[in-house]
Amino acid sequence: MKFVHRFAYYLIGLVMGCFIVSGFFLGKDTRCNYFPNARVLNNLRTKPFEYSPKATQVLNEKWITTEDIKNTLTYGDVDFDQSNVPSKGGKLYIIEGKTIHNKEIILKVTNYEKKAVLEEIIKK
């Protein structure tokens, strides 16, 4: 069999395989969170998110918005040296991020089984 024929069979099989695999994953909410940082942030984002009175007070100061909080929970870095500490029936996570004005912030989030609560917002 010529190389051209073998290559054509290979491409036909590859295209059919891609369609089948995309069919499996197309309708599902699949994520590839292999690293601990991505898993923790994804876990916090998927739960109902609440704000403590202290965090609400800082949000009312207008130097930070809820959009900054969402971006930090998406692109932030979890400080595992200080995180994963039992706190108030959940686990406390320290997340470092930035506002849209490029100011560094630290979020203290308590992760419960059914919800996540933003306990404190600290400006660096």
C-alpha atoms as a PDB file:
ATOM      1  CA  MET A   1       0.000   0.000   0.000  1.00  0.00           C
ATOM      2  CA  LYS A   2       1.338   3.405  -0.914  1.00  0.00           C
ATOM      3  CA  PHE A   3       2.169   6.026   1.658  1.00  0.00           C
ATOM      4  CA  VAL A   4      -0.588   8.310   0.366  1.00  0.00           C
ATOM      5  CA  HIS A   5      -3.229   5.630   0.999  1.00  0.00           C
ATOM      6  CA  ARG A   6      -1.925   4.881   4.498  1.00  0.00           C
ATOM      7  CA  PHE A   7      -1.862   8.604   5.313  1.00  0.00           C
ATOM      8  CA  ALA A   8      -5.451   8.995   4.031  1.00  0.00           C
ATOM      9  CA  TYR A   9      -6.642   6.113   6.261  1.00  0.00           C
ATOM     10  CA  TYR A  10      -4.813   7.658   9.193  1.00  0.00           C
ATOM     11  CA  LEU A  11      -6.474  11.070   8.649  1.00  0.00           C
ATOM     12  CA  ILE A  12      -9.931   9.496   8.278  1.00  0.00           C
ATOM     13  CA  GLY A  13      -9.481   7.612  11.551  1.00  0.00           C
ATOM     14  CA  LEU A  14      -8.106  10.692  13.305  1.00  0.00           C
ATOM     15  CA  VAL A  15     -11.042  12.864  12.217  1.00  0.00           C
ATOM     16  CA  MET A  16     -13.594  10.219  13.241  1.00  0.00           C
ATOM     17  CA  GLY A  17     -11.869   9.812  16.613  1.00  0.00           C
ATOM     18  CA  CYS A  18     -11.892  13.565  17.207  1.00  0.00           C
ATOM     19  CA  PHE A  19     -15.628  13.702  16.514  1.00  0.00           C
ATOM     20  CA  ILE A  20     -16.294  10.841  18.923  1.00  0.00           C
ATOM     21  CA  VAL A  21     -14.177  12.338  21.715  1.00  0.00           C
ATOM     22  CA  SER A  22     -15.709  15.794  21.237  1.00  0.00           C
ATOM     23  CA  GLY A  23     -19.145  14.173  21.403  1.00  0.00           C
ATOM     24  CA  PHE A  24     -18.317  12.762  24.837  1.00  0.00           C
ATOM     25  CA  PHE A  25     -17.112  16.071  26.259  1.00  0.00           C
ATOM     26  CA  LEU A  26     -19.294  18.565  24.397  1.00  0.00           C
ATOM     27  CA  GLY A  27     -22.388  18.596  26.612  1.00  0.00           C
ATOM     28  CA  LYS A  28     -20.597  18.053  29.903  1.00  0.00           C
ATOM     29  CA  ASP A  29     -19.182  20.616  32.271  1.00  0.00           C
ATOM     30  CA  THR A  30     -15.685  19.135  32.263  1.00  0.00           C
ATOM     31  CA  ARG A  31     -12.621  20.913  33.570  1.00  0.00           C
ATOM     32  CA  CYS A  32      -9.017  19.820  33.597  1.00  0.00           C
ATOM     33  CA  ASN A  33      -7.870  20.974  37.021  1.00  0.00           C
ATOM     34  CA  TYR A  34      -4.771  18.931  37.647  1.00  0.00           C
ATOM     35  CA  PHE A  35      -2.892  21.249  39.992  1.00  0.00           C
ATOM     36  CA  PRO A  36      -3.879  21.960  43.616  1.00  0.00           C
ATOM     37  CA  ASN A  37      -4.178  25.719  43.050  1.00  0.00           C
ATOM     38  CA  ALA A  38      -6.687  25.249  40.211  1.00  0.00           C
ATOM     39  CA  ARG A  39      -8.683  22.648  42.167  1.00  0.00           C
ATOM     40  CA  VAL A  40      -9.054  24.869  45.242  1.00  0.00           C
ATOM     41  CA  LEU A  41     -10.060  27.945  43.216  1.00  0.00           C
ATOM     42  CA  ASN A  42     -12.544  25.903  41.159  1.00  0.00           C
ATOM     43  CA  ASN A  43     -14.048  24.446  44.336  1.00  0.00           C
ATOM     44  CA  LEU A  44     -14.510  27.927  45.809  1.00  0.00           C
ATOM     45  CA  ARG A  45     -16.048  29.312  42.594  1.00  0.00           C
ATOM     46  CA  THR A  46     -18.590  26.533  42.176  1.00  0.00           C
ATOM     47  CA  LYS A  47     -20.101  26.861  45.676  1.00  0.00           C
ATOM     48  CA  PRO A  48     -22.544  29.551  46.793  1.00  0.00           C
ATOM     49  CA  PHE A  49     -20.350  32.502  47.787  1.00  0.00           C
ATOM     50  CA  GLU A  50     -21.146  34.737  50.747  1.00  0.00           C
ATOM     51  CA  TYR A  51     -19.510  37.821  52.245  1.00  0.00           C
ATOM     52  CA  SER A  52     -18.874  38.330  55.952  1.00  0.00           C
ATOM     53  CA  PRO A  53     -19.778  41.702  57.535  1.00  0.00           C
ATOM     54  CA  LYS A  54     -16.078  42.599  57.677  1.00  0.00           C
ATOM     55  CA  ALA A  55     -15.631  41.884  53.941  1.00  0.00           C
ATOM     56  CA  THR A  56     -18.816  43.802  53.108  1.00  0.00           C
ATOM     57  CA  GLN A  57     -17.466  46.799  54.985  1.00  0.00           C
ATOM     58  CA  VAL A  58     -14.253  46.723  52.915  1.00  0.00           C
ATOM     59  CA  LEU A  59     -16.281  46.381  49.694  1.00  0.00           C
ATOM     60  CA  ASN A  60     -18.220  49.496  50.644  1.00  0.00           C
ATOM     61  CA  GLU A  61     -14.950  51.479  50.698  1.00  0.00           C
ATOM     62  CA  LYS A  62     -15.048  51.324  46.857  1.00  0.00           C
ATOM     63  CA  TRP A  63     -11.326  50.604  46.284  1.00  0.00           C
ATOM     64  CA  ILE A  64     -12.205  47.002  45.438  1.00  0.00           C
ATOM     65  CA  THR A  65     -15.197  45.532  43.587  1.00  0.00           C
ATOM     66  CA  THR A  66     -16.843  42.142  43.385  1.00  0.00           C
ATOM     67  CA  GLU A  67     -15.315  41.820  39.913  1.00  0.00           C
ATOM     68  CA  ASP A  68     -11.867  41.973  41.535  1.00  0.00           C
ATOM     69  CA  ILE A  69     -12.944  39.213  43.916  1.00  0.00           C
ATOM     70  CA  LYS A  70     -14.133  37.040  41.001  1.00  0.00           C
ATOM     71  CA  ASN A  71     -10.894  37.620  39.095  1.00  0.00           C
ATOM     72  CA  THR A  72      -8.843  36.716  42.155  1.00  0.00           C
ATOM     73  CA  LEU A  73     -10.862  33.527  42.592  1.00  0.00           C
ATOM     74  CA  THR A  74     -10.160  32.708  38.947  1.00  0.00           C
ATOM     75  CA  TYR A  75      -6.537  33.772  38.479  1.00  0.00           C
ATOM     76  CA  GLY A  76      -5.218  34.118  42.048  1.00  0.00           C
ATOM     77  CA  ASP A  77      -2.563  32.104  43.845  1.00  0.00           C
ATOM     78  CA  VAL A  78      -3.414  30.056  46.925  1.00  0.00           C
ATOM     79  CA  ASP A  79      -0.793  30.335  49.678  1.00  0.00           C
ATOM     80  CA  PHE A  80      -0.716  26.715  50.823  1.00  0.00           C
ATOM     81  CA  ASP A  81       1.778  27.452  53.618  1.00  0.00           C
ATOM     82  CA  GLN A  82      -0.896  29.405  55.491  1.00  0.00           C
ATOM     83  CA  SER A  83      -3.988  27.733  53.991  1.00  0.00           C
ATOM     84  CA  ASN A  84      -5.944  24.525  54.540  1.00  0.00           C
ATOM     85  CA  VAL A  85      -6.235  25.345  58.245  1.00  0.00           C
ATOM     86  CA  PRO A  86      -9.381  24.237  60.122  1.00  0.00           C
ATOM     87  CA  SER A  87     -11.444  27.333  60.923  1.00  0.00           C
ATOM     88  CA  LYS A  88     -15.022  27.691  62.176  1.00  0.00           C
ATOM     89  CA  GLY A  89     -16.107  24.270  60.910  1.00  0.00           C
ATOM     90  CA  GLY A  90     -14.463  24.740  57.504  1.00  0.00           C
ATOM     91  CA  LYS A  91     -11.008  25.290  56.033  1.00  0.00           C
ATOM     92  CA  LEU A  92      -9.374  28.694  55.697  1.00  0.00           C
ATOM     93  CA  TYR A  93      -7.646  29.538  52.411  1.00  0.00           C
ATOM     94  CA  ILE A  94      -5.393  32.549  51.793  1.00  0.00           C
ATOM     95  CA  ILE A  95      -5.570  33.709  48.167  1.00  0.00           C
ATOM     96  CA  GLU A  96      -3.313  36.388  46.687  1.00  0.00           C
ATOM     97  CA  GLY A  97      -4.451  38.395  43.677  1.00  0.00           C
ATOM     98  CA  LYS A  98      -4.721  41.829  42.093  1.00  0.00           C
ATOM     99  CA  THR A  99      -7.458  44.371  41.454  1.00  0.00           C
ATOM    100  CA  ILE A 100      -8.164  45.836  38.040  1.00  0.00           C
ATOM    101  CA  HIS A 101      -6.070  48.833  39.143  1.00  0.00           C
ATOM    102  CA  ASN A 102      -3.134  46.443  39.729  1.00  0.00           C
ATOM    103  CA  LYS A 103      -3.231  46.718  43.545  1.00  0.00           C
ATOM    104  CA  GLU A 104      -2.239  43.538  45.336  1.00  0.00           C
ATOM    105  CA  ILE A 105      -4.855  42.018  47.641  1.00  0.00           C
ATOM    106  CA  ILE A 106      -5.175  39.030  49.926  1.00  0.00           C
ATOM    107  CA  LEU A 107      -8.480  37.223  50.404  1.00  0.00           C
ATOM    108  CA  LYS A 108      -9.210  35.021  53.390  1.00  0.00           C
ATOM    109  CA  VAL A 109     -11.922  32.564  52.386  1.00  0.00           C
ATOM    110  CA  THR A 110     -13.430  29.875  54.595  1.00  0.00           C
ATOM    111  CA  ASN A 111     -14.486  26.843  52.599  1.00  0.00           C
ATOM    112  CA  TYR A 112     -17.410  24.944  54.107  1.00  0.00           C
ATOM    113  CA  GLU A 113     -18.981  21.807  52.700  1.00  0.00           C
ATOM    114  CA  LYS A 114     -21.949  23.619  51.121  1.00  0.00           C
ATOM    115  CA  LYS A 115     -20.708  27.231  50.792  1.00  0.00           C
ATOM    116  CA  ALA A 116     -17.677  29.526  50.743  1.00  0.00           C
ATOM    117  CA  VAL A 117     -17.481  32.673  52.875  1.00  0.00           C
ATOM    118  CA  LEU A 118     -15.140  35.600  52.194  1.00  0.00           C
ATOM    119  CA  GLU A 119     -13.969  36.477  55.694  1.00  0.00           C
ATOM    120  CA  GLU A 120     -11.486  39.277  55.075  1.00  0.00           C
ATOM    121  CA  ILE A 121      -9.944  41.429  52.325  1.00  0.00           C
ATOM    122  CA  ILE A 122      -6.465  42.799  52.955  1.00  0.00           C
ATOM    123  CA  LYS A 123      -4.671  45.428  50.859  1.00  0.00           C
ATOM    124  CA  LYS A 124      -0.941  44.679  50.565  1.00  0.00           C
END
